[in-house]
Structure formats: structure tokens, C-alpha cells
Amino acid sequence: MSEDILQRQKKLQDYLNRTPFADFIGFKCEIMGDEMTAILPFEEKIIGNPSIRALHGGATGAFLELTAMAQLFLLSDEVSLAKPINLTIDYLRQAKAENLYARATVTKQGRRIANVHAEAWQSERARPVATLSAHFLLGNGE
């Protein structure tokens, strides 16, 4: 494994260690170069509708937001966390009681604002269960 990948993984792990919610939901990630795949391991506590065994929409949305923030942190030189300005989540289909995966793409990053798109899927990446479009304020906004 290259030194650059190890540094990126350490940088991201330090970020996640400062994020208690990531620990609460069991957020995990795999990094290959600049690409990160986030994993939300299934647990009963994230079921939103027990009668149809669907994941809670809030857990799915928070997972997507955390994925977007983690990808932005991984690719930036920022030492402080980005702050969400706005985000839109589209719920496309029911998220079943199984692991959830996500990837985020930083579509534009300026000095103060970054735009990020993320998708979450389960068994087929081509069939996302939810997508996120977000704008983040970088650093202290100066």
C-alpha cells in the first residue's frame, strides 16, 4: 500500500474519530486512491419501519451527509470541518434491512464553497436508494 494512501486513510480516520455520530451508526469506509466507499453496516437500531423492514430515512440521509463530508475532508487541505450550507436528499426506493454503501464526488471546490454529490445503494450500484446534493462552507468562510 502506498504512503499516500496510508496518509489519506489516517487523515480520514482522525476525522471520523472526532465525529461521535460516525461511531454511533457504525460508519466505515474503504479508500482506494482518491475514491472512498462508505459502508453503513446494518443494525436493528436503524430500522425506521419494522413492518416492512426498511431503514430509517434519517439514518440514510445522515449517512449520505457524513459520506459527503468525509470525501470532502479526504480531498481537501482543510484542517477544520466543512459546514453544510444546504443539502437535498432524494429518496428513490426503499432501503432494505441490509448494508448500505455510498460514494461521494466533489463536483466543484472553491476557496469558500464546495459542491458535493453522493449516492447510496445496496445490492446494485446502478440502482441507488437515495442521492444527495449539497453545498458546504469550507474553513471559517473567509
N, C-alpha and C. Protein backbone atom coordinates (compact mmCIF):
# COMPACT_ATOMS: atom_id res chain seq x y z
N MET A 1 0.85 -1.17 0.00
CA MET A 1 0.00 0.00 0.00
C MET A 1 0.89 1.24 0.00
N SER A 2 0.59 2.22 -0.85
CA SER A 2 1.46 3.39 -0.98
C SER A 2 1.35 4.29 0.25
N GLU A 3 2.39 5.09 0.44
CA GLU A 3 2.44 6.02 1.57
C GLU A 3 1.31 7.05 1.48
N ASP A 4 0.98 7.51 0.27
CA ASP A 4 -0.09 8.49 0.08
C ASP A 4 -1.43 7.93 0.54
N ILE A 5 -1.73 6.69 0.18
CA ILE A 5 -2.99 6.07 0.58
C ILE A 5 -3.04 5.92 2.10
N LEU A 6 -1.93 5.51 2.70
CA LEU A 6 -1.89 5.38 4.15
C LEU A 6 -2.13 6.73 4.85
N GLN A 7 -1.54 7.81 4.31
CA GLN A 7 -1.74 9.14 4.89
C GLN A 7 -3.20 9.57 4.75
N ARG A 8 -3.80 9.29 3.59
CA ARG A 8 -5.22 9.63 3.39
C ARG A 8 -6.10 8.87 4.37
N GLN A 9 -5.82 7.58 4.55
CA GLN A 9 -6.62 6.78 5.47
C GLN A 9 -6.49 7.30 6.90
N LYS A 10 -5.27 7.66 7.30
CA LYS A 10 -5.06 8.20 8.65
C LYS A 10 -5.79 9.53 8.82
N LYS A 11 -5.70 10.39 7.81
CA LYS A 11 -6.38 11.68 7.86
C LYS A 11 -7.88 11.49 8.01
N LEU A 12 -8.44 10.57 7.24
CA LEU A 12 -9.88 10.32 7.33
C LEU A 12 -10.25 9.68 8.65
N GLN A 13 -9.44 8.75 9.14
CA GLN A 13 -9.75 8.11 10.42
C GLN A 13 -9.70 9.12 11.56
N ASP A 14 -8.75 10.06 11.52
CA ASP A 14 -8.71 11.12 12.53
C ASP A 14 -9.99 11.94 12.49
N TYR A 15 -10.48 12.24 11.27
CA TYR A 15 -11.73 12.97 11.11
C TYR A 15 -12.90 12.19 11.73
N LEU A 16 -12.97 10.91 11.42
CA LEU A 16 -14.07 10.09 11.94
C LEU A 16 -14.00 9.94 13.46
N ASN A 17 -12.79 9.90 14.01
CA ASN A 17 -12.64 9.81 15.46
C ASN A 17 -13.18 11.05 16.16
N ARG A 18 -13.20 12.19 15.46
CA ARG A 18 -13.75 13.43 16.02
C ARG A 18 -15.25 13.56 15.76
N THR A 19 -15.86 12.53 15.19
CA THR A 19 -17.27 12.58 14.83
C THR A 19 -18.02 11.46 15.56
N PRO A 20 -18.58 11.76 16.73
CA PRO A 20 -19.25 10.71 17.51
C PRO A 20 -20.40 10.03 16.75
N PHE A 21 -21.09 10.76 15.89
CA PHE A 21 -22.20 10.16 15.15
C PHE A 21 -21.71 9.04 14.23
N ALA A 22 -20.51 9.21 13.66
CA ALA A 22 -19.95 8.16 12.80
C ALA A 22 -19.78 6.87 13.59
N ASP A 23 -19.34 6.99 14.83
CA ASP A 23 -19.19 5.82 15.69
C ASP A 23 -20.55 5.23 16.05
N PHE A 24 -21.52 6.08 16.32
CA PHE A 24 -22.85 5.61 16.72
C PHE A 24 -23.51 4.77 15.63
N ILE A 25 -23.42 5.21 14.38
CA ILE A 25 -24.07 4.45 13.31
C ILE A 25 -23.18 3.35 12.74
N GLY A 26 -21.93 3.30 13.17
CA GLY A 26 -21.02 2.25 12.70
C GLY A 26 -20.40 2.55 11.35
N PHE A 27 -20.29 3.84 11.00
CA PHE A 27 -19.74 4.28 9.72
C PHE A 27 -18.35 3.69 9.49
N LYS A 28 -18.18 3.08 8.34
CA LYS A 28 -16.88 2.52 7.94
C LYS A 28 -16.59 2.99 6.52
N CYS A 29 -15.33 2.91 6.12
CA CYS A 29 -15.02 3.28 4.74
C CYS A 29 -13.80 2.52 4.24
N GLU A 30 -13.76 2.38 2.93
CA GLU A 30 -12.63 1.78 2.24
C GLU A 30 -12.11 2.82 1.26
N ILE A 31 -10.79 3.00 1.23
CA ILE A 31 -10.19 4.02 0.37
C ILE A 31 -9.28 3.36 -0.65
N MET A 32 -9.46 3.73 -1.90
CA MET A 32 -8.59 3.32 -2.99
C MET A 32 -8.20 4.58 -3.74
N GLY A 33 -7.02 5.12 -3.46
CA GLY A 33 -6.60 6.37 -4.08
C GLY A 33 -7.47 7.52 -3.61
N ASP A 34 -8.06 8.26 -4.55
CA ASP A 34 -8.95 9.38 -4.22
C ASP A 34 -10.39 8.92 -4.01
N GLU A 35 -10.67 7.66 -4.23
CA GLU A 35 -12.03 7.17 -4.17
C GLU A 35 -12.30 6.48 -2.83
N MET A 36 -13.40 6.88 -2.21
CA MET A 36 -13.77 6.31 -0.93
C MET A 36 -15.16 5.69 -1.06
N THR A 37 -15.32 4.49 -0.55
CA THR A 37 -16.64 3.86 -0.47
C THR A 37 -16.99 3.79 1.01
N ALA A 38 -18.11 4.43 1.37
CA ALA A 38 -18.58 4.41 2.75
C ALA A 38 -19.53 3.22 2.92
N ILE A 39 -19.52 2.67 4.12
CA ILE A 39 -20.34 1.50 4.42
C ILE A 39 -21.10 1.77 5.72
N LEU A 40 -22.41 1.56 5.66
CA LEU A 40 -23.24 1.61 6.86
C LEU A 40 -23.70 0.18 7.13
N PRO A 41 -23.01 -0.51 8.05
CA PRO A 41 -23.39 -1.89 8.35
C PRO A 41 -24.80 -1.93 8.95
N PHE A 42 -25.59 -2.90 8.53
CA PHE A 42 -26.95 -3.00 9.03
C PHE A 42 -26.96 -3.33 10.51
N GLU A 43 -27.81 -2.61 11.24
CA GLU A 43 -28.10 -2.89 12.65
C GLU A 43 -29.59 -2.64 12.86
N GLU A 44 -30.18 -3.36 13.77
CA GLU A 44 -31.61 -3.21 14.05
C GLU A 44 -31.97 -1.78 14.44
N LYS A 45 -31.05 -1.07 15.09
CA LYS A 45 -31.38 0.28 15.59
C LYS A 45 -31.64 1.28 14.47
N ILE A 46 -31.28 0.97 13.22
CA ILE A 46 -31.53 1.92 12.14
C ILE A 46 -32.77 1.56 11.30
N ILE A 47 -33.56 0.61 11.79
CA ILE A 47 -34.83 0.29 11.14
C ILE A 47 -35.82 1.42 11.45
N GLY A 48 -36.45 1.95 10.41
CA GLY A 48 -37.43 3.01 10.59
C GLY A 48 -38.85 2.48 10.60
N ASN A 49 -39.13 1.49 9.77
CA ASN A 49 -40.46 0.91 9.69
C ASN A 49 -40.34 -0.60 9.88
N PRO A 50 -40.63 -1.08 11.09
CA PRO A 50 -40.45 -2.50 11.36
C PRO A 50 -41.38 -3.41 10.56
N SER A 51 -42.54 -2.90 10.15
CA SER A 51 -43.48 -3.77 9.43
C SER A 51 -42.97 -4.13 8.03
N ILE A 52 -42.20 -3.24 7.41
CA ILE A 52 -41.65 -3.56 6.08
C ILE A 52 -40.13 -3.72 6.10
N ARG A 53 -39.54 -3.62 7.31
CA ARG A 53 -38.09 -3.80 7.50
C ARG A 53 -37.28 -2.84 6.62
N ALA A 54 -37.65 -1.56 6.66
CA ALA A 54 -36.95 -0.54 5.88
C ALA A 54 -36.07 0.30 6.80
N LEU A 55 -34.92 0.72 6.28
CA LEU A 55 -34.03 1.60 7.04
C LEU A 55 -34.71 2.95 7.24
N HIS A 56 -34.41 3.60 8.35
CA HIS A 56 -34.95 4.92 8.64
C HIS A 56 -34.38 5.93 7.65
N GLY A 57 -35.24 6.77 7.11
CA GLY A 57 -34.80 7.78 6.15
C GLY A 57 -33.78 8.74 6.75
N GLY A 58 -33.92 9.04 8.04
CA GLY A 58 -32.96 9.92 8.70
C GLY A 58 -31.58 9.30 8.79
N ALA A 59 -31.53 8.00 9.03
CA ALA A 59 -30.24 7.30 9.07
C ALA A 59 -29.60 7.29 7.69
N THR A 60 -30.42 7.07 6.66
CA THR A 60 -29.91 7.08 5.28
C THR A 60 -29.40 8.46 4.92
N GLY A 61 -30.18 9.50 5.23
CA GLY A 61 -29.77 10.87 4.91
C GLY A 61 -28.52 11.30 5.66
N ALA A 62 -28.45 10.97 6.95
CA ALA A 62 -27.28 11.31 7.75
C ALA A 62 -26.04 10.58 7.25
N PHE A 63 -26.22 9.33 6.84
CA PHE A 63 -25.12 8.55 6.27
C PHE A 63 -24.61 9.21 4.99
N LEU A 64 -25.51 9.67 4.13
CA LEU A 64 -25.09 10.35 2.91
C LEU A 64 -24.36 11.67 3.22
N GLU A 65 -24.88 12.43 4.19
CA GLU A 65 -24.23 13.68 4.56
C GLU A 65 -22.83 13.42 5.11
N LEU A 66 -22.69 12.44 5.96
CA LEU A 66 -21.39 12.10 6.53
C LEU A 66 -20.43 11.61 5.45
N THR A 67 -20.95 10.86 4.48
CA THR A 67 -20.13 10.39 3.35
C THR A 67 -19.61 11.59 2.56
N ALA A 68 -20.48 12.55 2.27
CA ALA A 68 -20.08 13.74 1.52
C ALA A 68 -19.03 14.54 2.28
N MET A 69 -19.24 14.72 3.58
CA MET A 69 -18.28 15.47 4.39
C MET A 69 -16.94 14.74 4.48
N ALA A 70 -16.98 13.42 4.61
CA ALA A 70 -15.75 12.64 4.71
C ALA A 70 -14.96 12.71 3.40
N GLN A 71 -15.66 12.61 2.25
CA GLN A 71 -14.98 12.69 0.96
C GLN A 71 -14.36 14.08 0.77
N LEU A 72 -15.09 15.11 1.13
CA LEU A 72 -14.57 16.48 1.03
C LEU A 72 -13.35 16.66 1.93
N PHE A 73 -13.43 16.15 3.14
CA PHE A 73 -12.30 16.26 4.07
C PHE A 73 -11.09 15.49 3.54
N LEU A 74 -11.34 14.33 2.95
CA LEU A 74 -10.27 13.49 2.43
C LEU A 74 -9.51 14.19 1.30
N LEU A 75 -10.23 14.93 0.45
CA LEU A 75 -9.61 15.54 -0.72
C LEU A 75 -9.09 16.95 -0.48
N SER A 76 -9.45 17.56 0.63
CA SER A 76 -9.07 18.96 0.85
C SER A 76 -7.88 19.07 1.80
N ASP A 77 -7.36 20.27 1.87
CA ASP A 77 -6.27 20.57 2.80
C ASP A 77 -6.80 21.26 4.05
N GLU A 78 -8.12 21.30 4.20
CA GLU A 78 -8.74 21.99 5.33
C GLU A 78 -8.38 21.27 6.64
N VAL A 79 -8.18 22.06 7.68
CA VAL A 79 -7.95 21.46 8.99
C VAL A 79 -9.22 21.50 9.83
N SER A 80 -10.18 22.34 9.44
CA SER A 80 -11.46 22.37 10.14
C SER A 80 -12.51 21.69 9.25
N LEU A 81 -13.56 21.23 9.88
CA LEU A 81 -14.60 20.51 9.16
C LEU A 81 -15.46 21.47 8.34
N ALA A 82 -15.90 21.01 7.20
CA ALA A 82 -16.82 21.79 6.37
C ALA A 82 -18.17 21.87 7.07
N LYS A 83 -18.86 22.98 6.85
CA LYS A 83 -20.18 23.16 7.44
C LYS A 83 -21.23 23.10 6.34
N PRO A 84 -22.28 22.31 6.53
CA PRO A 84 -23.31 22.23 5.49
C PRO A 84 -24.05 23.57 5.36
N ILE A 85 -24.20 24.03 4.13
CA ILE A 85 -25.00 25.22 3.86
C ILE A 85 -26.42 24.79 3.52
N ASN A 86 -26.50 23.87 2.58
CA ASN A 86 -27.80 23.28 2.25
C ASN A 86 -27.57 21.90 1.66
N LEU A 87 -28.57 21.05 1.80
CA LEU A 87 -28.50 19.73 1.17
C LEU A 87 -29.89 19.29 0.78
N THR A 88 -29.89 18.54 -0.31
CA THR A 88 -31.13 17.97 -0.82
C THR A 88 -30.93 16.47 -0.93
N ILE A 89 -31.87 15.73 -0.35
CA ILE A 89 -31.79 14.27 -0.42
C ILE A 89 -33.00 13.78 -1.19
N ASP A 90 -32.75 12.98 -2.19
CA ASP A 90 -33.82 12.35 -2.95
C ASP A 90 -33.87 10.88 -2.55
N TYR A 91 -35.00 10.46 -2.01
CA TYR A 91 -35.20 9.06 -1.65
C TYR A 91 -35.83 8.37 -2.86
N LEU A 92 -35.12 7.46 -3.47
CA LEU A 92 -35.53 6.87 -4.73
C LEU A 92 -36.27 5.55 -4.57
N ARG A 93 -35.92 4.78 -3.57
CA ARG A 93 -36.60 3.50 -3.31
C ARG A 93 -36.33 3.08 -1.87
N GLN A 94 -37.05 2.07 -1.41
CA GLN A 94 -36.91 1.60 -0.04
C GLN A 94 -35.52 1.03 0.20
N ALA A 95 -34.90 1.45 1.29
CA ALA A 95 -33.63 0.87 1.72
C ALA A 95 -33.96 -0.30 2.63
N LYS A 96 -33.60 -1.49 2.20
CA LYS A 96 -33.94 -2.73 2.93
C LYS A 96 -33.05 -2.91 4.16
N ALA A 97 -33.37 -3.89 4.95
CA ALA A 97 -32.62 -4.20 6.16
C ALA A 97 -31.34 -4.96 5.80
N GLU A 98 -30.41 -4.24 5.18
CA GLU A 98 -29.10 -4.80 4.83
C GLU A 98 -28.10 -3.65 4.74
N ASN A 99 -26.83 -3.98 4.53
CA ASN A 99 -25.80 -2.95 4.47
C ASN A 99 -26.11 -1.91 3.40
N LEU A 100 -25.67 -0.68 3.68
CA LEU A 100 -25.84 0.43 2.74
C LEU A 100 -24.45 0.93 2.37
N TYR A 101 -24.25 1.24 1.10
CA TYR A 101 -22.96 1.71 0.59
C TYR A 101 -23.15 3.08 -0.04
N ALA A 102 -22.12 3.90 -0.04
CA ALA A 102 -22.23 5.22 -0.67
C ALA A 102 -20.88 5.69 -1.18
N ARG A 103 -20.95 6.51 -2.21
CA ARG A 103 -19.78 7.21 -2.74
C ARG A 103 -20.17 8.65 -2.99
N ALA A 104 -19.22 9.54 -2.77
CA ALA A 104 -19.45 10.97 -2.98
C ALA A 104 -18.42 11.50 -3.97
N THR A 105 -18.84 12.50 -4.73
CA THR A 105 -17.97 13.17 -5.69
C THR A 105 -18.01 14.66 -5.40
N VAL A 106 -16.84 15.26 -5.24
CA VAL A 106 -16.76 16.71 -5.09
C VAL A 106 -16.83 17.28 -6.51
N THR A 107 -17.96 17.90 -6.84
CA THR A 107 -18.16 18.38 -8.20
C THR A 107 -17.51 19.73 -8.44
N LYS A 108 -17.37 20.54 -7.39
CA LYS A 108 -16.66 21.82 -7.51
C LYS A 108 -16.20 22.25 -6.13
N GLN A 109 -14.96 22.70 -6.06
CA GLN A 109 -14.43 23.19 -4.80
C GLN A 109 -13.72 24.51 -5.04
N GLY A 110 -14.23 25.55 -4.41
CA GLY A 110 -13.60 26.86 -4.48
C GLY A 110 -12.87 27.14 -3.18
N ARG A 111 -12.57 28.42 -2.95
CA ARG A 111 -11.89 28.79 -1.71
C ARG A 111 -12.82 28.75 -0.51
N ARG A 112 -14.13 29.02 -0.75
CA ARG A 112 -15.08 29.11 0.37
C ARG A 112 -16.20 28.09 0.32
N ILE A 113 -16.55 27.63 -0.87
CA ILE A 113 -17.71 26.76 -1.04
C ILE A 113 -17.31 25.51 -1.82
N ALA A 114 -17.91 24.38 -1.46
CA ALA A 114 -17.72 23.13 -2.22
C ALA A 114 -19.09 22.53 -2.51
N ASN A 115 -19.23 21.97 -3.70
CA ASN A 115 -20.45 21.26 -4.09
C ASN A 115 -20.12 19.77 -4.13
N VAL A 116 -21.00 18.96 -3.54
CA VAL A 116 -20.76 17.53 -3.46
C VAL A 116 -22.04 16.78 -3.84
N HIS A 117 -21.87 15.69 -4.57
CA HIS A 117 -22.97 14.80 -4.93
C HIS A 117 -22.64 13.42 -4.36
N ALA A 118 -23.62 12.76 -3.78
CA ALA A 118 -23.40 11.41 -3.22
C ALA A 118 -24.57 10.51 -3.59
N GLU A 119 -24.26 9.22 -3.70
CA GLU A 119 -25.28 8.21 -3.99
C GLU A 119 -25.12 7.05 -3.02
N ALA A 120 -26.26 6.52 -2.56
CA ALA A 120 -26.26 5.35 -1.68
C ALA A 120 -26.99 4.22 -2.39
N TRP A 121 -26.45 3.01 -2.24
CA TRP A 121 -27.06 1.84 -2.86
C TRP A 121 -26.91 0.65 -1.93
N GLN A 122 -27.57 -0.44 -2.31
CA GLN A 122 -27.45 -1.67 -1.53
C GLN A 122 -26.88 -2.79 -2.40
N SER A 123 -27.69 -3.57 -3.03
CA SER A 123 -27.17 -4.72 -3.78
C SER A 123 -26.62 -4.34 -5.16
N GLU A 124 -27.15 -3.30 -5.79
CA GLU A 124 -26.71 -2.89 -7.12
C GLU A 124 -26.38 -1.41 -7.13
N ARG A 125 -25.17 -1.07 -7.47
CA ARG A 125 -24.78 0.34 -7.50
C ARG A 125 -25.58 1.11 -8.54
N ALA A 126 -25.99 0.45 -9.60
CA ALA A 126 -26.77 1.11 -10.66
C ALA A 126 -28.19 1.45 -10.21
N ARG A 127 -28.60 0.95 -9.06
CA ARG A 127 -29.95 1.23 -8.54
C ARG A 127 -29.84 1.90 -7.16
N PRO A 128 -29.49 3.20 -7.14
CA PRO A 128 -29.34 3.87 -5.84
C PRO A 128 -30.67 3.96 -5.09
N VAL A 129 -30.57 3.91 -3.76
CA VAL A 129 -31.76 4.07 -2.93
C VAL A 129 -31.97 5.53 -2.56
N ALA A 130 -30.90 6.34 -2.59
CA ALA A 130 -31.01 7.76 -2.27
C ALA A 130 -29.80 8.50 -2.84
N THR A 131 -30.01 9.77 -3.15
CA THR A 131 -28.91 10.63 -3.61
C THR A 131 -28.91 11.92 -2.78
N LEU A 132 -27.77 12.57 -2.74
CA LEU A 132 -27.62 13.82 -2.01
C LEU A 132 -26.89 14.81 -2.90
N SER A 133 -27.37 16.05 -2.89
CA SER A 133 -26.66 17.17 -3.49
C SER A 133 -26.49 18.20 -2.38
N ALA A 134 -25.26 18.66 -2.16
CA ALA A 134 -25.01 19.54 -1.03
C ALA A 134 -23.98 20.60 -1.36
N HIS A 135 -24.09 21.72 -0.62
CA HIS A 135 -23.10 22.79 -0.65
C HIS A 135 -22.54 22.90 0.76
N PHE A 136 -21.22 23.03 0.87
CA PHE A 136 -20.56 23.12 2.15
C PHE A 136 -19.71 24.38 2.21
N LEU A 137 -19.67 25.01 3.38
CA LEU A 137 -18.80 26.14 3.64
C LEU A 137 -17.48 25.59 4.15
N LEU A 138 -16.39 25.98 3.51
CA LEU A 138 -15.08 25.47 3.87
C LEU A 138 -14.40 26.38 4.88
N GLY A 139 -13.61 25.79 5.74
CA GLY A 139 -12.83 26.55 6.72
C GLY A 139 -13.72 27.47 7.55
N ASN A 140 -13.26 28.69 7.74
CA ASN A 140 -14.06 29.64 8.51
C ASN A 140 -14.84 30.59 7.61
N GLY A 141 -14.84 30.32 6.31
CA GLY A 141 -15.64 31.11 5.38
C GLY A 141 -15.03 32.43 4.97
N GLU A 142 -13.77 32.69 5.33
CA GLU A 142 -13.13 33.95 4.96
C GLU A 142 -12.55 33.91 3.57
